[in-house]
Every structure is written in C-alpha cells, then in structure tokens.
Amino acid sequence: MSQRRRERRRVERNTQNSSTEIKKKYKALKIFFIATTVVFVILLFLLLVYSHMFVENHTH
C-alpha cells in the first residue's frame, strides 16, 4: 500500500519536472525565434537601404 503511494508520488514528481523542462525549452525556442526574426528584419532593412543607395549612385 505504502509502496504504491510512494510510486504514485514519484511519478507525479517526474511529470512535474518534465512539464517544467518542456516550458523552459518552449520559452527558449520562442526567444530564439523572436531574436532570429528581429535580426532577419534588420538585415532586410539594411539590404533595402544599401540597394537603394547603390541604385541612386549609379543612375545619376
């Protein structure tokens, strides 16, 4: 009886630990995606500015 209770408690603890790990991984993944999106947008903006300057310099 007590062993069953102990086993159940251990399983509950393991599921709690795994759920917190999943939350941590999800948060890290979310931060990574936001960071990569921001970097991509900045690079795109710089490319647009540079190409615009390049066209302006070579058409006149």
PDB file of N, CA and C in Angstrom:
ATOM      1  N   MET A   1       0.840  -1.206   0.000  1.00  0.00           N
ATOM      2  CA  MET A   1       0.000   0.000   0.000  1.00  0.00           C
ATOM      3  C   MET A   1       0.873   1.254   0.000  1.00  0.00           C
ATOM      4  N   SER A   2       1.801   1.316   0.967  1.00  0.00           N
ATOM      5  CA  SER A   2       2.660   2.499   1.048  1.00  0.00           C
ATOM      6  C   SER A   2       3.583   2.584  -0.170  1.00  0.00           C
ATOM      7  N   GLN A   3       3.969   1.422  -0.708  1.00  0.00           N
ATOM      8  CA  GLN A   3       4.842   1.421  -1.882  1.00  0.00           C
ATOM      9  C   GLN A   3       4.100   1.982  -3.098  1.00  0.00           C
ATOM     10  N   ARG A   4       2.827   1.645  -3.215  1.00  0.00           N
ATOM     11  CA  ARG A   4       2.024   2.164  -4.317  1.00  0.00           C
ATOM     12  C   ARG A   4       1.922   3.687  -4.224  1.00  0.00           C
ATOM     13  N   ARG A   5       1.699   4.170  -3.004  1.00  0.00           N
ATOM     14  CA  ARG A   5       1.595   5.613  -2.783  1.00  0.00           C
ATOM     15  C   ARG A   5       2.922   6.302  -3.132  1.00  0.00           C
ATOM     16  N   ARG A   6       4.020   5.663  -2.702  1.00  0.00           N
ATOM     17  CA  ARG A   6       5.352   6.199  -2.984  1.00  0.00           C
ATOM     18  C   ARG A   6       5.595   6.247  -4.496  1.00  0.00           C
ATOM     19  N   GLU A   7       5.193   5.173  -5.176  1.00  0.00           N
ATOM     20  CA  GLU A   7       5.348   5.097  -6.633  1.00  0.00           C
ATOM     21  C   GLU A   7       4.552   6.204  -7.322  1.00  0.00           C
ATOM     22  N   ARG A   8       3.309   6.408  -6.886  1.00  0.00           N
ATOM     23  CA  ARG A   8       2.458   7.443  -7.469  1.00  0.00           C
ATOM     24  C   ARG A   8       3.080   8.827  -7.265  1.00  0.00           C
ATOM     25  N   ARG A   9       3.602   9.061  -6.053  1.00  0.00           N
ATOM     26  CA  ARG A   9       4.228  10.344  -5.744  1.00  0.00           C
ATOM     27  C   ARG A   9       5.447  10.580  -6.640  1.00  0.00           C
ATOM     28  N   ARG A  10       6.224   9.511  -6.859  1.00  0.00           N
ATOM     29  CA  ARG A  10       7.420   9.611  -7.709  1.00  0.00           C
ATOM     30  C   ARG A  10       7.025   9.932  -9.156  1.00  0.00           C
ATOM     31  N   VAL A  11       5.986   9.283  -9.634  1.00  0.00           N
ATOM     32  CA  VAL A  11       5.507   9.529 -10.996  1.00  0.00           C
ATOM     33  C   VAL A  11       5.013  10.966 -11.132  1.00  0.00           C
ATOM     34  N   GLU A  12       4.266  11.447 -10.125  1.00  0.00           N
ATOM     35  CA  GLU A  12       3.783  12.835 -10.156  1.00  0.00           C
ATOM     36  C   GLU A  12       4.945  13.816 -10.200  1.00  0.00           C
ATOM     37  N   ARG A  13       5.965  13.558  -9.374  1.00  0.00           N
ATOM     38  CA  ARG A  13       7.134  14.434  -9.341  1.00  0.00           C
ATOM     39  C   ARG A  13       7.834  14.442 -10.699  1.00  0.00           C
ATOM     40  N   ASN A  14       7.952  13.267 -11.320  1.00  0.00           N
ATOM     41  CA  ASN A  14       8.595  13.174 -12.631  1.00  0.00           C
ATOM     42  C   ASN A  14       7.810  13.937 -13.689  1.00  0.00           C
ATOM     43  N   THR A  15       6.486  13.823 -13.667  1.00  0.00           N
ATOM     44  CA  THR A  15       5.683  14.540 -14.659  1.00  0.00           C
ATOM     45  C   THR A  15       5.785  16.045 -14.448  1.00  0.00           C
ATOM     46  N   GLN A  16       5.837  16.492 -13.200  1.00  0.00           N
ATOM     47  CA  GLN A  16       6.004  17.925 -12.931  1.00  0.00           C
ATOM     48  C   GLN A  16       7.343  18.410 -13.469  1.00  0.00           C
ATOM     49  N   ASN A  17       8.405  17.651 -13.224  1.00  0.00           N
ATOM     50  CA  ASN A  17       9.733  18.029 -13.706  1.00  0.00           C
ATOM     51  C   ASN A  17       9.768  18.099 -15.224  1.00  0.00           C
ATOM     52  N   SER A  18       9.182  17.114 -15.886  1.00  0.00           N
ATOM     53  CA  SER A  18       9.205  17.097 -17.348  1.00  0.00           C
ATOM     54  C   SER A  18       8.387  18.259 -17.914  1.00  0.00           C
ATOM     55  N   SER A  19       7.270  18.608 -17.265  1.00  0.00           N
ATOM     56  CA  SER A  19       6.464  19.721 -17.769  1.00  0.00           C
ATOM     57  C   SER A  19       7.200  21.047 -17.610  1.00  0.00           C
ATOM     58  N   THR A  20       7.941  21.231 -16.515  1.00  0.00           N
ATOM     59  CA  THR A  20       8.707  22.470 -16.354  1.00  0.00           C
ATOM     60  C   THR A  20       9.844  22.527 -17.360  1.00  0.00           C
ATOM     61  N   GLU A  21      10.467  21.382 -17.652  1.00  0.00           N
ATOM     62  CA  GLU A  21      11.527  21.348 -18.663  1.00  0.00           C
ATOM     63  C   GLU A  21      10.972  21.704 -20.032  1.00  0.00           C
ATOM     64  N   ILE A  22       9.788  21.192 -20.359  1.00  0.00           N
ATOM     65  CA  ILE A  22       9.153  21.499 -21.639  1.00  0.00           C
ATOM     66  C   ILE A  22       8.852  22.994 -21.720  1.00  0.00           C
ATOM     67  N   LYS A  23       8.351  23.573 -20.618  1.00  0.00           N
ATOM     68  CA  LYS A  23       8.072  25.006 -20.601  1.00  0.00           C
ATOM     69  C   LYS A  23       9.343  25.812 -20.817  1.00  0.00           C
ATOM     70  N   LYS A  24      10.436  25.408 -20.173  1.00  0.00           N
ATOM     71  CA  LYS A  24      11.719  26.102 -20.337  1.00  0.00           C
ATOM     72  C   LYS A  24      12.190  26.018 -21.780  1.00  0.00           C
ATOM     73  N   LYS A  25      12.099  24.821 -22.360  1.00  0.00           N
ATOM     74  CA  LYS A  25      12.528  24.637 -23.746  1.00  0.00           C
ATOM     75  C   LYS A  25      11.670  25.476 -24.683  1.00  0.00           C
ATOM     76  N   TYR A  26      10.355  25.510 -24.446  1.00  0.00           N
ATOM     77  CA  TYR A  26       9.449  26.285 -25.287  1.00  0.00           C
ATOM     78  C   TYR A  26       9.778  27.763 -25.202  1.00  0.00           C
ATOM     79  N   LYS A  27      10.057  28.244 -23.970  1.00  0.00           N
ATOM     80  CA  LYS A  27      10.399  29.653 -23.779  1.00  0.00           C
ATOM     81  C   LYS A  27      11.695  29.989 -24.514  1.00  0.00           C
ATOM     82  N   ALA A  28      12.690  29.122 -24.412  1.00  0.00           N
ATOM     83  CA  ALA A  28      13.969  29.336 -25.093  1.00  0.00           C
ATOM     84  C   ALA A  28      13.769  29.349 -26.604  1.00  0.00           C
ATOM     85  N   LEU A  29      12.940  28.447 -27.103  1.00  0.00           N
ATOM     86  CA  LEU A  29      12.662  28.377 -28.535  1.00  0.00           C
ATOM     87  C   LEU A  29      11.960  29.641 -29.007  1.00  0.00           C
ATOM     88  N   LYS A  30      10.999  30.123 -28.193  1.00  0.00           N
ATOM     89  CA  LYS A  30      10.268  31.344 -28.520  1.00  0.00           C
ATOM     90  C   LYS A  30      11.219  32.536 -28.595  1.00  0.00           C
ATOM     91  N   ILE A  31      12.101  32.659 -27.599  1.00  0.00           N
ATOM     92  CA  ILE A  31      13.084  33.746 -27.585  1.00  0.00           C
ATOM     93  C   ILE A  31      13.989  33.645 -28.808  1.00  0.00           C
ATOM     94  N   PHE A  32      14.414  32.434 -29.151  1.00  0.00           N
ATOM     95  CA  PHE A  32      15.277  32.212 -30.310  1.00  0.00           C
ATOM     96  C   PHE A  32      14.582  32.649 -31.598  1.00  0.00           C
ATOM     97  N   PHE A  33      13.304  32.285 -31.762  1.00  0.00           N
ATOM     98  CA  PHE A  33      12.570  32.669 -32.962  1.00  0.00           C
ATOM     99  C   PHE A  33      12.381  34.175 -33.048  1.00  0.00           C
ATOM    100  N   ILE A  34      12.081  34.825 -31.922  1.00  0.00           N
ATOM    101  CA  ILE A  34      11.917  36.277 -31.908  1.00  0.00           C
ATOM    102  C   ILE A  34      13.231  36.947 -32.295  1.00  0.00           C
ATOM    103  N   ALA A  35      14.339  36.475 -31.712  1.00  0.00           N
ATOM    104  CA  ALA A  35      15.659  37.053 -31.994  1.00  0.00           C
ATOM    105  C   ALA A  35      16.025  36.885 -33.466  1.00  0.00           C
ATOM    106  N   THR A  36      15.803  35.697 -34.020  1.00  0.00           N
ATOM    107  CA  THR A  36      16.142  35.470 -35.425  1.00  0.00           C
ATOM    108  C   THR A  36      15.265  36.316 -36.342  1.00  0.00           C
ATOM    109  N   THR A  37      13.997  36.492 -35.989  1.00  0.00           N
ATOM    110  CA  THR A  37      13.098  37.332 -36.782  1.00  0.00           C
ATOM    111  C   THR A  37      13.569  38.778 -36.773  1.00  0.00           C
ATOM    112  N   VAL A  38      13.948  39.277 -35.599  1.00  0.00           N
ATOM    113  CA  VAL A  38      14.432  40.658 -35.483  1.00  0.00           C
ATOM    114  C   VAL A  38      15.696  40.843 -36.315  1.00  0.00           C
ATOM    115  N   VAL A  39      16.634  39.920 -36.210  1.00  0.00           N
ATOM    116  CA  VAL A  39      17.882  40.002 -36.981  1.00  0.00           C
ATOM    117  C   VAL A  39      17.580  39.965 -38.474  1.00  0.00           C
ATOM    118  N   PHE A  40      16.682  39.095 -38.889  1.00  0.00           N
ATOM    119  CA  PHE A  40      16.313  38.989 -40.299  1.00  0.00           C
ATOM    120  C   PHE A  40      15.716  40.296 -40.812  1.00  0.00           C
ATOM    121  N   VAL A  41      14.818  40.905 -40.030  1.00  0.00           N
ATOM    122  CA  VAL A  41      14.187  42.169 -40.428  1.00  0.00           C
ATOM    123  C   VAL A  41      15.236  43.271 -40.543  1.00  0.00           C
ATOM    124  N   ILE A  42      16.158  43.334 -39.583  1.00  0.00           N
ATOM    125  CA  ILE A  42      17.217  44.352 -39.626  1.00  0.00           C
ATOM    126  C   ILE A  42      18.087  44.162 -40.864  1.00  0.00           C
ATOM    127  N   LEU A  43      18.463  42.926 -41.154  1.00  0.00           N
ATOM    128  CA  LEU A  43      19.277  42.652 -42.338  1.00  0.00           C
ATOM    129  C   LEU A  43      18.531  43.017 -43.616  1.00  0.00           C
ATOM    130  N   LEU A  44      17.254  42.716 -43.670  1.00  0.00           N
ATOM    131  CA  LEU A  44      16.440  43.058 -44.830  1.00  0.00           C
ATOM    132  C   LEU A  44      16.385  44.564 -45.025  1.00  0.00           C
ATOM    133  N   PHE A  45      16.198  45.295 -43.923  1.00  0.00           N
ATOM    134  CA  PHE A  45      16.149  46.751 -43.966  1.00  0.00           C
ATOM    135  C   PHE A  45      17.480  47.320 -44.463  1.00  0.00           C
ATOM    136  N   LEU A  46      18.583  46.808 -43.931  1.00  0.00           N
ATOM    137  CA  LEU A  46      19.905  47.271 -44.365  1.00  0.00           C
ATOM    138  C   LEU A  46      20.129  46.975 -45.843  1.00  0.00           C
ATOM    139  N   LEU A  47      19.691  45.821 -46.293  1.00  0.00           N
ATOM    140  CA  LEU A  47      19.822  45.456 -47.703  1.00  0.00           C
ATOM    141  C   LEU A  47      19.025  46.413 -48.580  1.00  0.00           C
ATOM    142  N   LEU A  48      17.804  46.737 -48.162  1.00  0.00           N
ATOM    143  CA  LEU A  48      16.982  47.684 -48.917  1.00  0.00           C
ATOM    144  C   LEU A  48      17.642  49.059 -48.993  1.00  0.00           C
ATOM    145  N   VAL A  49      18.138  49.542 -47.862  1.00  0.00           N
ATOM    146  CA  VAL A  49      18.795  50.857 -47.826  1.00  0.00           C
ATOM    147  C   VAL A  49      20.027  50.847 -48.715  1.00  0.00           C
ATOM    148  N   TYR A  50      20.841  49.792 -48.603  1.00  0.00           N
ATOM    149  CA  TYR A  50      22.070  49.701 -49.382  1.00  0.00           C
ATOM    150  C   TYR A  50      21.764  49.619 -50.875  1.00  0.00           C
ATOM    151  N   SER A  51      20.788  48.806 -51.255  1.00  0.00           N
ATOM    152  CA  SER A  51      20.450  48.664 -52.673  1.00  0.00           C
ATOM    153  C   SER A  51      19.878  49.970 -53.213  1.00  0.00           C
ATOM    154  N   HIS A  52      19.111  50.681 -52.406  1.00  0.00           N
ATOM    155  CA  HIS A  52      18.562  51.976 -52.821  1.00  0.00           C
ATOM    156  C   HIS A  52      19.697  52.973 -53.051  1.00  0.00           C
ATOM    157  N   MET A  53      20.662  53.005 -52.138  1.00  0.00           N
ATOM    158  CA  MET A  53      21.813  53.894 -52.286  1.00  0.00           C
ATOM    159  C   MET A  53      22.613  53.517 -53.525  1.00  0.00           C
ATOM    160  N   PHE A  54      22.791  52.225 -53.761  1.00  0.00           N
ATOM    161  CA  PHE A  54      23.546  51.725 -54.909  1.00  0.00           C
ATOM    162  C   PHE A  54      22.877  52.169 -56.214  1.00  0.00           C
ATOM    163  N   VAL A  55      21.550  52.030 -56.291  1.00  0.00           N
ATOM    164  CA  VAL A  55      20.802  52.428 -57.486  1.00  0.00           C
ATOM    165  C   VAL A  55      20.881  53.940 -57.675  1.00  0.00           C
ATOM    166  N   GLU A  56      20.738  54.697 -56.595  1.00  0.00           N
ATOM    167  CA  GLU A  56      20.819  56.161 -56.667  1.00  0.00           C
ATOM    168  C   GLU A  56      22.185  56.595 -57.194  1.00  0.00           C
ATOM    169  N   ASN A  57      23.250  55.975 -56.718  1.00  0.00           N
ATOM    170  CA  ASN A  57      24.606  56.357 -57.117  1.00  0.00           C
ATOM    171  C   ASN A  57      24.890  56.017 -58.576  1.00  0.00           C
ATOM    172  N   HIS A  58      24.313  54.963 -59.096  1.00  0.00           N
ATOM    173  CA  HIS A  58      24.651  54.505 -60.440  1.00  0.00           C
ATOM    174  C   HIS A  58      23.691  54.992 -61.517  1.00  0.00           C
ATOM    175  N   THR A  59      22.581  55.593 -61.155  1.00  0.00           N
ATOM    176  CA  THR A  59      21.661  56.093 -62.182  1.00  0.00           C
ATOM    177  C   THR A  59      21.932  57.553 -62.514  1.00  0.00           C
ATOM    178  N   HIS A  60      22.573  58.272 -61.606  1.00  0.00           N
ATOM    179  CA  HIS A  60      22.834  59.700 -61.873  1.00  0.00           C
ATOM    180  C   HIS A  60      24.256  59.924 -62.340  1.00  0.00           C
TER     181      HIS A  60
END
